């Protein structure tokens, strides 16, 4: 798989930030014994990773805009292109020593996501896609699952925490979905939930109130792997609304019906 210059820049940046985070992750495991300080340490790791990504991406493409989870947004000289970056998706997992977190980099051109990279550095799984060139994990071409029966399918979601207002909605979703499927997973990293739909590991995924940097890279990876990814509100814009429903083509309609009802 030979990607464009931009995709190669994104992959290189993700690997560099990934090395830094893996080193910090090993340190977090040592910090588990004293809870005091682990949270601050992870915040620093997160900011350091964003700085690496910014140096690499903006260094290579200084005219592009930037939207990052930590540093916020900046307009570039080129108003049509921007990087959308989450340096550490799955912070709570990282803090608890759970090896399920990722770096997410999306490239937007004229309002459309044209390339995406989701790097699971702990497992060395690099998911990436470019418009029209398919989706990949390392050297393997990705395809969404072929399951067409809800009862054989597993779905992923994020369950709102710490008193977020959308908890009742999610509990209603679960009450409708769980009797109709083979299981629901909550693994705590939206970018990897999308990447796993693309890889056929999950049959579908839905979540509300996400941010652009949670979604940007994963959306194109799902679509390039032959999956559907849309807003929960049928007329909505996924990235702007932050409400997403993604699945393989065969199951999308039945799954969407459950979530949208």
C-alpha atoms as a PDB file:
ATOM      1  CA  UNK A   1       0.000   0.000   0.000  1.00  0.00           C
ATOM      2  CA  UNK A   2       1.598   3.257  -1.139  1.00  0.00           C
ATOM      3  CA  UNK A   3      -0.282   6.298   0.113  1.00  0.00           C
ATOM      4  CA  UNK A   4      -0.098   9.940  -0.908  1.00  0.00           C
ATOM      5  CA  UNK A   5       2.505  12.285   0.545  1.00  0.00           C
ATOM      6  CA  UNK A   6      -0.080  13.570   3.059  1.00  0.00           C
ATOM      7  CA  UNK A   7      -0.969  10.079   4.259  1.00  0.00           C
ATOM      8  CA  UNK A   8       2.711   9.220   4.688  1.00  0.00           C
ATOM      9  CA  UNK A   9       3.203  12.395   6.765  1.00  0.00           C
ATOM     10  CA  UNK A  10       0.216  11.389   8.947  1.00  0.00           C
ATOM     11  CA  UNK A  11       1.502   7.835   9.500  1.00  0.00           C
ATOM     12  CA  UNK A  12       4.997   9.065  10.352  1.00  0.00           C
ATOM     13  CA  UNK A  13       3.600  11.622  12.830  1.00  0.00           C
ATOM     14  CA  UNK A  14       1.377   8.979  14.475  1.00  0.00           C
ATOM     15  CA  UNK A  15       4.329   6.609  14.889  1.00  0.00           C
ATOM     16  CA  UNK A  16       6.481   9.302  16.467  1.00  0.00           C
ATOM     17  CA  UNK A  17       3.779  10.370  18.942  1.00  0.00           C
ATOM     18  CA  UNK A  18       3.000   6.685  19.544  1.00  0.00           C
ATOM     19  CA  UNK A  19       6.559   5.985  20.686  1.00  0.00           C
ATOM     20  CA  UNK A  20       6.327   8.817  23.193  1.00  0.00           C
ATOM     21  CA  UNK A  21       2.953   7.609  24.518  1.00  0.00           C
ATOM     22  CA  UNK A  22       4.043   3.962  24.813  1.00  0.00           C
ATOM     23  CA  UNK A  23       6.983   5.079  26.947  1.00  0.00           C
ATOM     24  CA  UNK A  24       4.634   7.148  29.135  1.00  0.00           C
ATOM     25  CA  UNK A  25       2.134   4.272  29.289  1.00  0.00           C
ATOM     26  CA  UNK A  26       4.777   1.997  30.827  1.00  0.00           C
ATOM     27  CA  UNK A  27       5.404   4.718  33.379  1.00  0.00           C
ATOM     28  CA  UNK A  28       1.662   4.965  34.201  1.00  0.00           C
ATOM     29  CA  UNK A  29       1.660   1.285  35.079  1.00  0.00           C
ATOM     30  CA  UNK A  30       4.322   2.041  37.699  1.00  0.00           C
ATOM     31  CA  UNK A  31       2.318   5.021  38.981  1.00  0.00           C
ATOM     32  CA  UNK A  32      -0.802   2.934  39.601  1.00  0.00           C
ATOM     33  CA  UNK A  33       0.260   2.286  43.193  1.00  0.00           C
ATOM     34  CA  UNK A  34       0.084   5.978  44.088  1.00  0.00           C
ATOM     35  CA  UNK A  35      -3.019   7.477  42.510  1.00  0.00           C
ATOM     36  CA  UNK A  36      -1.747  10.933  43.403  1.00  0.00           C
ATOM     37  CA  UNK A  37       0.002  12.276  40.354  1.00  0.00           C
ATOM     38  CA  UNK A  38      -1.102   9.698  37.771  1.00  0.00           C
ATOM     39  CA  UNK A  39      -3.794  12.021  36.391  1.00  0.00           C
ATOM     40  CA  UNK A  40      -1.373  14.939  36.045  1.00  0.00           C
ATOM     41  CA  UNK A  41       1.173  12.656  34.445  1.00  0.00           C
ATOM     42  CA  UNK A  42      -1.349  11.499  31.810  1.00  0.00           C
ATOM     43  CA  UNK A  43      -2.372  15.098  31.057  1.00  0.00           C
ATOM     44  CA  UNK A  44       1.292  15.897  30.441  1.00  0.00           C
ATOM     45  CA  UNK A  45       1.672  12.800  28.224  1.00  0.00           C
ATOM     46  CA  UNK A  46      -1.391  13.912  26.226  1.00  0.00           C
ATOM     47  CA  UNK A  47      -0.052  17.452  25.721  1.00  0.00           C
ATOM     48  CA  UNK A  48       3.422  16.165  24.817  1.00  0.00           C
ATOM     49  CA  UNK A  49       1.895  13.850  22.173  1.00  0.00           C
ATOM     50  CA  UNK A  50      -0.096  16.731  20.686  1.00  0.00           C
ATOM     51  CA  UNK A  51       3.073  18.835  20.494  1.00  0.00           C
ATOM     52  CA  UNK A  52       4.884  16.064  18.590  1.00  0.00           C
ATOM     53  CA  UNK A  53       1.948  15.710  16.184  1.00  0.00           C
ATOM     54  CA  UNK A  54       1.749  19.445  15.661  1.00  0.00           C
ATOM     55  CA  UNK A  55       5.482  19.738  14.948  1.00  0.00           C
ATOM     56  CA  UNK A  56       5.360  16.881  12.445  1.00  0.00           C
ATOM     57  CA  UNK A  57       2.105  17.784  10.684  1.00  0.00           C
ATOM     58  CA  UNK A  58       2.400  21.577  10.680  1.00  0.00           C
ATOM     59  CA  UNK A  59       6.124  21.308   9.979  1.00  0.00           C
ATOM     60  CA  UNK A  60       5.354  19.401   6.791  1.00  0.00           C
ATOM     61  CA  UNK A  61       2.239  21.429   5.856  1.00  0.00           C
ATOM     62  CA  UNK A  62       2.598  24.859   7.474  1.00  0.00           C
ATOM     63  CA  UNK A  63      -0.324  26.425   5.572  1.00  0.00           C
ATOM     64  CA  UNK A  64      -2.983  23.973   6.805  1.00  0.00           C
ATOM     65  CA  UNK A  65      -5.426  24.771   9.603  1.00  0.00           C
ATOM     66  CA  UNK A  66      -5.428  22.857  12.886  1.00  0.00           C
ATOM     67  CA  UNK A  67      -8.073  21.504  15.250  1.00  0.00           C
ATOM     68  CA  UNK A  68      -6.688  19.579  18.218  1.00  0.00           C
ATOM     69  CA  UNK A  69      -8.264  18.293  21.394  1.00  0.00           C
ATOM     70  CA  UNK A  70      -5.711  19.956  23.650  1.00  0.00           C
ATOM     71  CA  UNK A  71      -4.693  23.092  21.768  1.00  0.00           C
ATOM     72  CA  UNK A  72      -8.012  24.067  20.148  1.00  0.00           C
ATOM     73  CA  UNK A  73      -8.362  25.441  16.618  1.00  0.00           C
ATOM     74  CA  UNK A  74      -6.280  27.690  14.380  1.00  0.00           C
ATOM     75  CA  UNK A  75      -7.022  28.828  10.840  1.00  0.00           C
ATOM     76  CA  UNK A  76      -4.331  28.182   8.263  1.00  0.00           C
ATOM     77  CA  UNK A  77      -3.273  30.280   5.275  1.00  0.00           C
ATOM     78  CA  UNK A  78      -4.965  27.564   3.208  1.00  0.00           C
ATOM     79  CA  UNK A  79      -8.609  27.832   4.346  1.00  0.00           C
ATOM     80  CA  UNK A  80      -9.590  24.629   2.507  1.00  0.00           C
ATOM     81  CA  UNK A  81      -7.444  22.178   4.477  1.00  0.00           C
ATOM     82  CA  UNK A  82      -7.037  21.352   8.152  1.00  0.00           C
ATOM     83  CA  UNK A  83      -5.689  18.656  10.420  1.00  0.00           C
ATOM     84  CA  UNK A  84      -8.180  17.303  12.997  1.00  0.00           C
ATOM     85  CA  UNK A  85      -6.240  15.588  15.757  1.00  0.00           C
ATOM     86  CA  UNK A  86      -6.822  13.706  19.000  1.00  0.00           C
ATOM     87  CA  UNK A  87      -3.393  12.940  20.500  1.00  0.00           C
ATOM     88  CA  UNK A  88      -4.801  10.434  22.994  1.00  0.00           C
ATOM     89  CA  UNK A  89      -8.273   8.966  22.522  1.00  0.00           C
ATOM     90  CA  UNK A  90      -9.045   6.710  25.473  1.00  0.00           C
ATOM     91  CA  UNK A  91      -7.393   8.775  28.203  1.00  0.00           C
ATOM     92  CA  UNK A  92      -9.265   6.969  30.997  1.00  0.00           C
ATOM     93  CA  UNK A  93      -8.030   3.602  29.710  1.00  0.00           C
ATOM     94  CA  UNK A  94      -4.487   4.978  29.508  1.00  0.00           C
ATOM     95  CA  UNK A  95      -4.730   6.286  33.080  1.00  0.00           C
ATOM     96  CA  UNK A  96      -5.867   2.870  34.328  1.00  0.00           C
ATOM     97  CA  UNK A  97      -3.131   0.951  32.532  1.00  0.00           C
ATOM     98  CA  UNK A  98      -5.564  -0.539  29.987  1.00  0.00           C
ATOM     99  CA  UNK A  99      -3.821  -0.969  26.604  1.00  0.00           C
ATOM    100  CA  UNK A 100      -6.720   0.334  24.512  1.00  0.00           C
ATOM    101  CA  UNK A 101      -6.138   3.918  23.354  1.00  0.00           C
ATOM    102  CA  UNK A 102      -5.173   5.582  20.098  1.00  0.00           C
ATOM    103  CA  UNK A 103      -3.848   8.578  18.246  1.00  0.00           C
ATOM    104  CA  UNK A 104      -6.362   9.898  15.716  1.00  0.00           C
ATOM    105  CA  UNK A 105      -5.459  12.173  12.769  1.00  0.00           C
ATOM    106  CA  UNK A 106      -7.956  13.294  10.146  1.00  0.00           C
ATOM    107  CA  UNK A 107      -7.293  15.514   7.132  1.00  0.00           C
ATOM    108  CA  UNK A 108     -10.186  17.669   5.985  1.00  0.00           C
ATOM    109  CA  UNK A 109     -10.369  19.275   2.547  1.00  0.00           C
ATOM    110  CA  UNK A 110     -13.242  21.655   1.727  1.00  0.00           C
ATOM    111  CA  UNK A 111     -15.344  20.262   4.562  1.00  0.00           C
ATOM    112  CA  UNK A 112     -14.806  16.592   3.602  1.00  0.00           C
ATOM    113  CA  UNK A 113     -12.535  14.156   5.422  1.00  0.00           C
ATOM    114  CA  UNK A 114     -10.101  12.913   2.758  1.00  0.00           C
ATOM    115  CA  UNK A 115      -7.636  10.868   4.837  1.00  0.00           C
ATOM    116  CA  UNK A 116      -7.540   9.330   8.294  1.00  0.00           C
ATOM    117  CA  UNK A 117      -5.106   7.519  10.556  1.00  0.00           C
ATOM    118  CA  UNK A 118      -5.968   5.778  13.846  1.00  0.00           C
ATOM    119  CA  UNK A 119      -2.892   4.317  15.535  1.00  0.00           C
ATOM    120  CA  UNK A 120      -3.231   1.843  18.386  1.00  0.00           C
ATOM    121  CA  UNK A 121       0.371   2.130  19.536  1.00  0.00           C
ATOM    122  CA  UNK A 122       0.087  -0.387  22.388  1.00  0.00           C
ATOM    123  CA  UNK A 123      -0.854  -3.154  19.912  1.00  0.00           C
ATOM    124  CA  UNK A 124       1.067  -1.680  16.957  1.00  0.00           C
ATOM    125  CA  UNK A 125      -2.074  -1.565  14.800  1.00  0.00           C
ATOM    126  CA  UNK A 126      -2.060   1.306  12.304  1.00  0.00           C
ATOM    127  CA  UNK A 127      -5.494   1.806  10.710  1.00  0.00           C
ATOM    128  CA  UNK A 128      -5.561   4.226   7.781  1.00  0.00           C
ATOM    129  CA  UNK A 129      -7.569   5.229   4.741  1.00  0.00           C
ATOM    130  CA  UNK A 130      -7.601   7.734   1.957  1.00  0.00           C
ATOM    131  CA  UNK A 131     -10.572   8.737  -0.173  1.00  0.00           C
ATOM    132  CA  UNK A 132     -10.924   6.243  -3.012  1.00  0.00           C
ATOM    133  CA  UNK A 133      -7.933   4.096  -1.973  1.00  0.00           C
ATOM    134  CA  UNK A 134      -9.547   1.677   0.486  1.00  0.00           C
ATOM    135  CA  UNK A 135      -8.886   1.142   4.188  1.00  0.00           C
ATOM    136  CA  UNK A 136      -5.926  -0.703   5.675  1.00  0.00           C
ATOM    137  CA  UNK A 137      -4.542  -2.023   8.940  1.00  0.00           C
ATOM    138  CA  UNK A 138      -0.754  -2.282   8.649  1.00  0.00           C
ATOM    139  CA  UNK A 139      -0.414  -4.316   5.398  1.00  0.00           C
ATOM    140  CA  UNK A 140      -3.910  -5.801   5.400  1.00  0.00           C
ATOM    141  CA  UNK A 141      -6.836  -4.453   3.391  1.00  0.00           C
ATOM    142  CA  UNK A 142      -9.855  -3.880   5.657  1.00  0.00           C
ATOM    143  CA  UNK A 143     -13.441  -4.916   4.976  1.00  0.00           C
ATOM    144  CA  UNK A 144     -16.458  -4.465   7.215  1.00  0.00           C
ATOM    145  CA  UNK A 145     -18.062  -7.685   8.446  1.00  0.00           C
ATOM    146  CA  UNK A 146     -20.470  -9.623   6.242  1.00  0.00           C
ATOM    147  CA  UNK A 147     -22.993 -10.395   9.003  1.00  0.00           C
ATOM    148  CA  UNK A 148     -26.552  -9.584   8.077  1.00  0.00           C
ATOM    149  CA  UNK A 149     -28.466 -10.814  11.141  1.00  0.00           C
ATOM    150  CA  UNK A 150     -28.752  -8.573  14.196  1.00  0.00           C
ATOM    151  CA  UNK A 151     -28.881 -11.559  16.545  1.00  0.00           C
ATOM    152  CA  UNK A 152     -25.399 -12.667  15.414  1.00  0.00           C
ATOM    153  CA  UNK A 153     -23.905  -9.166  15.552  1.00  0.00           C
ATOM    154  CA  UNK A 154     -21.980  -7.298  18.225  1.00  0.00           C
ATOM    155  CA  UNK A 155     -22.116  -3.549  18.607  1.00  0.00           C
ATOM    156  CA  UNK A 156     -19.985  -0.958  20.347  1.00  0.00           C
ATOM    157  CA  UNK A 157     -20.965   2.290  22.029  1.00  0.00           C
ATOM    158  CA  UNK A 158     -19.796   4.797  24.581  1.00  0.00           C
ATOM    159  CA  UNK A 159     -21.812   4.906  27.790  1.00  0.00           C
ATOM    160  CA  UNK A 160     -22.005   8.443  29.189  1.00  0.00           C
ATOM    161  CA  UNK A 161     -20.158   8.889  32.474  1.00  0.00           C
ATOM    162  CA  UNK A 162     -19.956  11.420  35.311  1.00  0.00           C
ATOM    163  CA  UNK A 163     -23.533  12.626  35.074  1.00  0.00           C
ATOM    164  CA  UNK A 164     -23.643  13.515  31.380  1.00  0.00           C
ATOM    165  CA  UNK A 165     -27.106  14.485  30.175  1.00  0.00           C
ATOM    166  CA  UNK A 166     -27.342  11.833  27.432  1.00  0.00           C
ATOM    167  CA  UNK A 167     -27.260   8.847  29.823  1.00  0.00           C
ATOM    168  CA  UNK A 168     -31.066   8.191  29.753  1.00  0.00           C
ATOM    169  CA  UNK A 169     -31.032   8.111  25.928  1.00  0.00           C
ATOM    170  CA  UNK A 170     -28.168   5.615  25.859  1.00  0.00           C
ATOM    171  CA  UNK A 171     -29.872   3.382  28.431  1.00  0.00           C
ATOM    172  CA  UNK A 172     -32.997   3.381  26.246  1.00  0.00           C
ATOM    173  CA  UNK A 173     -30.860   2.453  23.211  1.00  0.00           C
ATOM    174  CA  UNK A 174     -29.378  -0.451  25.167  1.00  0.00           C
ATOM    175  CA  UNK A 175     -32.790  -1.639  26.346  1.00  0.00           C
ATOM    176  CA  UNK A 176     -33.948  -1.841  22.704  1.00  0.00           C
ATOM    177  CA  UNK A 177     -30.737  -3.200  21.212  1.00  0.00           C
ATOM    178  CA  UNK A 178     -29.499  -5.793  23.700  1.00  0.00           C
ATOM    179  CA  UNK A 179     -32.400  -8.261  23.318  1.00  0.00           C
ATOM    180  CA  UNK A 180     -31.913  -8.118  19.513  1.00  0.00           C
ATOM    181  CA  UNK A 181     -28.145  -8.692  19.224  1.00  0.00           C
ATOM    182  CA  UNK A 182     -25.220 -10.911  20.304  1.00  0.00           C
ATOM    183  CA  UNK A 183     -23.682  -8.314  22.600  1.00  0.00           C
ATOM    184  CA  UNK A 184     -22.653  -4.723  23.233  1.00  0.00           C
ATOM    185  CA  UNK A 185     -19.106  -3.596  24.055  1.00  0.00           C
ATOM    186  CA  UNK A 186     -17.921  -0.381  25.695  1.00  0.00           C
ATOM    187  CA  UNK A 187     -14.161  -0.179  25.239  1.00  0.00           C
ATOM    188  CA  UNK A 188     -13.661   3.508  25.799  1.00  0.00           C
ATOM    189  CA  UNK A 189     -12.038   4.877  22.617  1.00  0.00           C
ATOM    190  CA  UNK A 190     -14.344   6.131  19.858  1.00  0.00           C
ATOM    191  CA  UNK A 191     -11.665   6.194  17.149  1.00  0.00           C
ATOM    192  CA  UNK A 192     -10.909   2.507  17.759  1.00  0.00           C
ATOM    193  CA  UNK A 193     -14.619   1.629  17.838  1.00  0.00           C
ATOM    194  CA  UNK A 194     -14.855   3.002  14.289  1.00  0.00           C
ATOM    195  CA  UNK A 195     -11.616   1.298  13.216  1.00  0.00           C
ATOM    196  CA  UNK A 196     -12.963  -2.012  14.590  1.00  0.00           C
ATOM    197  CA  UNK A 197     -16.167  -1.631  12.537  1.00  0.00           C
ATOM    198  CA  UNK A 198     -13.934  -1.126   9.479  1.00  0.00           C
ATOM    199  CA  UNK A 199     -11.967  -4.271  10.388  1.00  0.00           C
ATOM    200  CA  UNK A 200     -15.141  -6.352  10.816  1.00  0.00           C
ATOM    201  CA  UNK A 201     -14.433  -6.889  14.526  1.00  0.00           C
ATOM    202  CA  UNK A 202     -17.610  -5.051  15.452  1.00  0.00           C
ATOM    203  CA  UNK A 203     -20.674  -5.150  13.211  1.00  0.00           C
ATOM    204  CA  UNK A 204     -21.768  -1.652  14.217  1.00  0.00           C
ATOM    205  CA  UNK A 205     -21.173   1.281  16.535  1.00  0.00           C
ATOM    206  CA  UNK A 206     -23.150   4.277  17.731  1.00  0.00           C
ATOM    207  CA  UNK A 207     -22.506   7.156  20.111  1.00  0.00           C
ATOM    208  CA  UNK A 208     -23.723  10.670  20.879  1.00  0.00           C
ATOM    209  CA  UNK A 209     -22.013  13.945  21.778  1.00  0.00           C
ATOM    210  CA  UNK A 210     -18.622  13.190  20.274  1.00  0.00           C
ATOM    211  CA  UNK A 211     -16.150  15.834  19.137  1.00  0.00           C
ATOM    212  CA  UNK A 212     -14.778  16.225  15.576  1.00  0.00           C
ATOM    213  CA  UNK A 213     -11.381  14.822  16.660  1.00  0.00           C
ATOM    214  CA  UNK A 214     -13.058  11.648  18.002  1.00  0.00           C
ATOM    215  CA  UNK A 215     -14.682  11.014  14.634  1.00  0.00           C
ATOM    216  CA  UNK A 216     -12.759  12.501  11.725  1.00  0.00           C
ATOM    217  CA  UNK A 217     -10.241   9.722  11.040  1.00  0.00           C
ATOM    218  CA  UNK A 218     -12.543   6.820  11.920  1.00  0.00           C
ATOM    219  CA  UNK A 219     -15.338   7.927   9.573  1.00  0.00           C
ATOM    220  CA  UNK A 220     -13.249   7.689   6.410  1.00  0.00           C
ATOM    221  CA  UNK A 221     -11.720   4.386   7.551  1.00  0.00           C
ATOM    222  CA  UNK A 222     -15.221   2.867   7.956  1.00  0.00           C
ATOM    223  CA  UNK A 223     -16.436   4.230   4.623  1.00  0.00           C
ATOM    224  CA  UNK A 224     -13.359   3.103   2.713  1.00  0.00           C
ATOM    225  CA  UNK A 225     -13.785  -0.384   4.220  1.00  0.00           C
ATOM    226  CA  UNK A 226     -17.258  -0.554   2.648  1.00  0.00           C
ATOM    227  CA  UNK A 227     -19.241   0.498   5.720  1.00  0.00           C
ATOM    228  CA  UNK A 228     -21.854   3.179   6.275  1.00  0.00           C
ATOM    229  CA  UNK A 229     -21.329   6.004   8.791  1.00  0.00           C
ATOM    230  CA  UNK A 230     -24.053   8.610   9.222  1.00  0.00           C
ATOM    231  CA  UNK A 231     -25.505  10.993  11.764  1.00  0.00           C
ATOM    232  CA  UNK A 232     -28.101   9.498  14.130  1.00  0.00           C
ATOM    233  CA  UNK A 233     -30.411  12.343  13.076  1.00  0.00           C
ATOM    234  CA  UNK A 234     -31.000  11.442   9.432  1.00  0.00           C
ATOM    235  CA  UNK A 235     -30.643  15.041   8.247  1.00  0.00           C
ATOM    236  CA  UNK A 236     -27.707  15.844  10.475  1.00  0.00           C
ATOM    237  CA  UNK A 237     -23.989  16.282   9.810  1.00  0.00           C
ATOM    238  CA  UNK A 238     -21.965  13.601  11.620  1.00  0.00           C
ATOM    239  CA  UNK A 239     -18.867  15.662  12.372  1.00  0.00           C
ATOM    240  CA  UNK A 240     -20.788  18.774  13.443  1.00  0.00           C
ATOM    241  CA  UNK A 241     -23.493  16.972  15.445  1.00  0.00           C
ATOM    242  CA  UNK A 242     -21.118  14.452  17.008  1.00  0.00           C
ATOM    243  CA  UNK A 243     -23.832  11.768  16.878  1.00  0.00           C
ATOM    244  CA  UNK A 244     -22.775   8.760  14.835  1.00  0.00           C
ATOM    245  CA  UNK A 245     -24.123   5.426  13.709  1.00  0.00           C
ATOM    246  CA  UNK A 246     -21.828   3.136  11.712  1.00  0.00           C
ATOM    247  CA  UNK A 247     -22.237  -0.428  10.464  1.00  0.00           C
ATOM    248  CA  UNK A 248     -21.787  -2.743   7.518  1.00  0.00           C
ATOM    249  CA  UNK A 249     -24.210  -2.235   4.649  1.00  0.00           C
ATOM    250  CA  UNK A 250     -26.208  -5.422   5.284  1.00  0.00           C
ATOM    251  CA  UNK A 251     -27.107  -4.529   8.851  1.00  0.00           C
ATOM    252  CA  UNK A 252     -27.142  -0.745   8.786  1.00  0.00           C
ATOM    253  CA  UNK A 253     -30.879  -0.261   8.220  1.00  0.00           C
ATOM    254  CA  UNK A 254     -32.046  -2.670  10.926  1.00  0.00           C
ATOM    255  CA  UNK A 255     -29.457  -1.318  13.376  1.00  0.00           C
ATOM    256  CA  UNK A 256     -30.290   2.322  12.580  1.00  0.00           C
ATOM    257  CA  UNK A 257     -33.988   1.614  13.046  1.00  0.00           C
ATOM    258  CA  UNK A 258     -33.353   0.401  16.615  1.00  0.00           C
ATOM    259  CA  UNK A 259     -31.152   3.384  17.522  1.00  0.00           C
ATOM    260  CA  UNK A 260     -33.248   6.021  15.756  1.00  0.00           C
ATOM    261  CA  UNK A 261     -36.521   4.871  17.265  1.00  0.00           C
END
